[in-house]
């Protein structure tokens, strides 16, 4: 039996975030901030997916897999600080 390696295809290059905009530089507990990103992939035809995330318990996103979203800062409670 013979095994012949196939030629490797072109390397997959990482996408680049080209812009990240927040509607406010600071957010108080209970308030929201609008977020928008743009990104490009140097490999034509590649499908990009997106995922917004924050520290556990840090808040919630209106659309965590979209280029634009609204993040809501959780209200601070003393119970949260004890966990």
N, C-alpha and C. Protein backbone atom coordinates (compact mmCIF):
# COMPACT_ATOMS: atom_id res chain seq x y z
N UNK A 1 0.85 -1.16 0.00
CA UNK A 1 0.00 0.00 0.00
C UNK A 1 0.90 1.23 0.00
N UNK A 2 0.50 2.26 -0.75
CA UNK A 2 1.22 3.52 -0.81
C UNK A 2 0.31 4.65 -0.34
N UNK A 3 0.92 5.60 0.30
CA UNK A 3 0.19 6.79 0.74
C UNK A 3 0.87 7.99 0.11
N UNK A 4 0.14 8.74 -0.68
CA UNK A 4 0.70 9.92 -1.32
C UNK A 4 0.02 11.15 -0.74
N UNK A 5 0.77 12.01 -0.07
CA UNK A 5 0.16 13.21 0.49
C UNK A 5 -0.32 14.14 -0.62
N UNK A 6 -1.48 14.73 -0.38
CA UNK A 6 -2.01 15.71 -1.32
C UNK A 6 -1.41 17.08 -1.01
N UNK A 7 -1.30 17.87 -2.03
CA UNK A 7 -0.79 19.23 -1.83
C UNK A 7 -1.76 20.00 -0.94
N UNK A 8 -1.22 20.73 0.00
CA UNK A 8 -2.04 21.52 0.90
C UNK A 8 -2.63 22.71 0.15
N UNK A 9 -3.85 23.06 0.50
CA UNK A 9 -4.49 24.24 -0.09
C UNK A 9 -3.92 25.50 0.54
N UNK A 10 -4.39 26.63 0.09
CA UNK A 10 -3.89 27.89 0.67
C UNK A 10 -4.26 27.98 2.15
N UNK A 11 -3.39 28.60 2.91
CA UNK A 11 -3.62 28.74 4.35
C UNK A 11 -4.82 29.66 4.59
N UNK A 12 -5.59 29.33 5.59
CA UNK A 12 -6.72 30.18 5.99
C UNK A 12 -6.19 31.32 6.85
N UNK A 13 -6.45 32.54 6.41
CA UNK A 13 -5.98 33.71 7.16
C UNK A 13 -7.08 34.22 8.06
N UNK A 14 -6.71 34.74 9.20
CA UNK A 14 -7.68 35.23 10.19
C UNK A 14 -8.33 36.53 9.72
N UNK A 15 -9.62 36.69 10.02
CA UNK A 15 -10.29 37.97 9.75
C UNK A 15 -9.72 39.06 10.65
N UNK A 16 -9.98 40.30 10.27
CA UNK A 16 -9.51 41.46 11.03
C UNK A 16 -10.69 42.35 11.37
N UNK A 17 -10.80 42.76 12.63
CA UNK A 17 -11.80 43.75 13.01
C UNK A 17 -11.25 45.10 12.57
N UNK A 18 -12.01 45.80 11.73
CA UNK A 18 -11.55 47.08 11.20
C UNK A 18 -12.16 48.28 11.93
N UNK A 19 -13.26 48.05 12.64
CA UNK A 19 -13.89 49.14 13.38
C UNK A 19 -14.70 48.55 14.53
N UNK A 20 -14.66 49.23 15.65
CA UNK A 20 -15.47 48.87 16.82
C UNK A 20 -15.93 50.17 17.45
N UNK A 21 -17.25 50.40 17.44
CA UNK A 21 -17.80 51.68 17.90
C UNK A 21 -18.79 51.42 19.03
N UNK A 22 -18.66 52.21 20.09
CA UNK A 22 -19.60 52.16 21.23
C UNK A 22 -20.26 53.53 21.33
N UNK A 23 -21.56 53.54 21.63
CA UNK A 23 -22.29 54.81 21.72
C UNK A 23 -21.92 55.63 22.95
N UNK A 24 -21.26 54.99 23.92
CA UNK A 24 -20.84 55.70 25.13
C UNK A 24 -19.58 55.04 25.67
N UNK A 25 -18.65 55.84 26.23
CA UNK A 25 -17.42 55.25 26.76
C UNK A 25 -17.62 54.57 28.12
N UNK A 26 -18.66 54.98 28.85
CA UNK A 26 -18.95 54.42 30.18
C UNK A 26 -20.44 54.11 30.26
N UNK A 27 -20.75 53.09 31.05
CA UNK A 27 -22.15 52.70 31.22
C UNK A 27 -22.40 52.47 32.70
N UNK A 28 -23.48 53.04 33.20
CA UNK A 28 -23.84 52.84 34.61
C UNK A 28 -24.75 51.62 34.71
N UNK A 29 -24.81 51.00 35.88
CA UNK A 29 -25.67 49.82 36.05
C UNK A 29 -27.11 50.10 35.62
N UNK A 30 -27.67 49.18 34.83
CA UNK A 30 -29.02 49.30 34.33
C UNK A 30 -29.13 50.02 33.00
N UNK A 31 -28.07 50.69 32.57
CA UNK A 31 -28.09 51.44 31.31
C UNK A 31 -27.65 50.55 30.15
N UNK A 32 -27.78 51.08 28.93
CA UNK A 32 -27.40 50.34 27.74
C UNK A 32 -26.36 51.11 26.94
N UNK A 33 -25.66 50.40 26.09
CA UNK A 33 -24.73 51.00 25.14
C UNK A 33 -24.88 50.24 23.82
N UNK A 34 -24.96 51.01 22.72
CA UNK A 34 -25.02 50.41 21.39
C UNK A 34 -23.60 50.12 20.92
N UNK A 35 -23.42 48.94 20.35
CA UNK A 35 -22.11 48.51 19.87
C UNK A 35 -22.22 48.10 18.41
N UNK A 36 -21.20 48.45 17.62
CA UNK A 36 -21.18 48.07 16.21
C UNK A 36 -19.75 47.74 15.81
N UNK A 37 -19.60 46.70 15.04
CA UNK A 37 -18.28 46.28 14.57
C UNK A 37 -18.33 46.07 13.07
N UNK A 38 -17.17 46.22 12.44
CA UNK A 38 -17.00 45.80 11.05
C UNK A 38 -15.75 44.96 10.99
N UNK A 39 -15.76 43.98 10.10
CA UNK A 39 -14.62 43.08 9.98
C UNK A 39 -14.47 42.66 8.52
N UNK A 40 -13.27 42.28 8.15
CA UNK A 40 -13.00 41.80 6.80
C UNK A 40 -12.23 40.49 6.90
N UNK A 41 -12.48 39.63 5.93
CA UNK A 41 -11.75 38.36 5.84
C UNK A 41 -10.95 38.39 4.55
N UNK A 42 -9.63 38.26 4.63
CA UNK A 42 -8.81 38.31 3.42
C UNK A 42 -9.03 37.12 2.49
N UNK A 43 -9.69 36.08 2.97
CA UNK A 43 -9.96 34.91 2.14
C UNK A 43 -11.36 35.04 1.54
N UNK A 44 -11.42 35.45 0.28
CA UNK A 44 -12.70 35.66 -0.40
C UNK A 44 -13.55 34.40 -0.32
N UNK A 45 -14.83 34.61 -0.04
CA UNK A 45 -15.75 33.49 0.00
C UNK A 45 -15.92 32.85 1.36
N UNK A 46 -15.05 33.16 2.31
CA UNK A 46 -15.20 32.61 3.66
C UNK A 46 -16.40 33.26 4.35
N UNK A 47 -17.14 32.47 5.08
CA UNK A 47 -18.26 32.98 5.86
C UNK A 47 -17.77 33.34 7.25
N UNK A 48 -18.07 34.55 7.68
CA UNK A 48 -17.66 34.96 9.02
C UNK A 48 -18.85 34.87 9.95
N UNK A 49 -18.58 34.51 11.18
CA UNK A 49 -19.59 34.52 12.23
C UNK A 49 -19.08 35.43 13.34
N UNK A 50 -20.00 35.91 14.15
CA UNK A 50 -19.66 36.89 15.18
C UNK A 50 -20.22 36.45 16.51
N UNK A 51 -19.54 36.84 17.59
CA UNK A 51 -20.02 36.50 18.93
C UNK A 51 -19.56 37.56 19.91
N UNK A 52 -20.52 38.33 20.44
CA UNK A 52 -20.23 39.29 21.50
C UNK A 52 -20.25 38.54 22.82
N UNK A 53 -19.36 38.89 23.72
CA UNK A 53 -19.37 38.27 25.05
C UNK A 53 -18.88 39.28 26.08
N UNK A 54 -19.26 39.04 27.32
CA UNK A 54 -18.85 39.89 28.44
C UNK A 54 -18.52 38.98 29.61
N UNK A 55 -17.85 39.52 30.59
CA UNK A 55 -17.54 38.74 31.78
C UNK A 55 -18.80 38.12 32.33
N UNK A 56 -18.69 36.92 32.90
CA UNK A 56 -19.88 36.28 33.47
C UNK A 56 -20.61 37.23 34.43
N UNK A 57 -21.91 37.34 34.24
CA UNK A 57 -22.70 38.21 35.10
C UNK A 57 -22.56 39.68 34.77
N UNK A 58 -21.86 40.00 33.67
CA UNK A 58 -21.59 41.40 33.36
C UNK A 58 -22.69 42.13 32.62
N UNK A 59 -23.63 41.42 32.04
CA UNK A 59 -24.69 42.08 31.30
C UNK A 59 -25.22 41.16 30.22
N UNK A 60 -26.05 41.73 29.35
CA UNK A 60 -26.64 40.92 28.29
C UNK A 60 -26.65 41.70 26.98
N UNK A 61 -26.65 40.94 25.87
CA UNK A 61 -26.65 41.52 24.53
C UNK A 61 -28.00 41.28 23.87
N UNK A 62 -28.47 42.26 23.09
CA UNK A 62 -29.74 42.10 22.39
C UNK A 62 -29.59 41.12 21.23
N UNK A 63 -28.42 41.06 20.63
CA UNK A 63 -28.15 40.16 19.50
C UNK A 63 -26.68 39.75 19.57
N UNK A 64 -26.38 38.68 20.27
CA UNK A 64 -24.98 38.36 20.53
C UNK A 64 -24.22 37.79 19.32
N UNK A 65 -24.91 37.53 18.20
CA UNK A 65 -24.21 37.02 17.02
C UNK A 65 -24.33 37.96 15.82
N UNK A 66 -24.65 39.22 16.05
CA UNK A 66 -24.79 40.21 14.98
C UNK A 66 -23.63 41.20 15.02
N UNK A 67 -23.43 41.92 13.93
CA UNK A 67 -22.39 42.95 13.91
C UNK A 67 -22.74 44.13 14.80
N UNK A 68 -24.02 44.40 14.97
CA UNK A 68 -24.47 45.49 15.85
C UNK A 68 -25.36 44.90 16.93
N UNK A 69 -25.23 45.44 18.14
CA UNK A 69 -26.01 44.93 19.26
C UNK A 69 -26.17 46.03 20.30
N UNK A 70 -27.02 45.79 21.26
CA UNK A 70 -27.16 46.68 22.42
C UNK A 70 -26.82 45.85 23.65
N UNK A 71 -25.91 46.37 24.45
CA UNK A 71 -25.50 45.68 25.67
C UNK A 71 -26.15 46.39 26.85
N UNK A 72 -26.76 45.62 27.74
CA UNK A 72 -27.38 46.15 28.95
C UNK A 72 -26.53 45.77 30.14
N UNK A 73 -26.09 46.77 30.87
CA UNK A 73 -25.29 46.55 32.07
C UNK A 73 -26.21 46.11 33.20
N UNK A 74 -25.86 45.02 33.85
CA UNK A 74 -26.69 44.54 34.95
C UNK A 74 -26.68 45.51 36.11
N UNK A 75 -27.77 45.49 36.85
CA UNK A 75 -27.83 46.29 38.07
C UNK A 75 -26.94 45.64 39.11
N UNK A 76 -26.21 46.42 39.85
CA UNK A 76 -25.33 45.90 40.90
C UNK A 76 -26.16 45.65 42.15
N UNK A 77 -25.97 44.48 42.73
CA UNK A 77 -26.60 44.20 44.02
C UNK A 77 -25.53 43.68 44.98
N UNK A 78 -25.74 43.85 46.24
CA UNK A 78 -24.75 43.38 47.20
C UNK A 78 -24.67 41.86 47.18
N UNK A 79 -25.78 41.16 46.82
CA UNK A 79 -25.76 39.71 46.71
C UNK A 79 -24.78 39.26 45.64
N UNK A 80 -24.72 40.00 44.51
CA UNK A 80 -23.81 39.63 43.42
C UNK A 80 -22.37 39.75 43.87
N UNK A 81 -22.06 40.73 44.70
CA UNK A 81 -20.69 40.91 45.17
C UNK A 81 -20.26 39.80 46.09
N UNK A 82 -21.21 39.14 46.77
CA UNK A 82 -20.88 38.08 47.71
C UNK A 82 -20.63 36.74 47.04
N UNK A 83 -21.00 36.62 45.74
CA UNK A 83 -20.86 35.32 45.05
C UNK A 83 -19.46 35.11 44.55
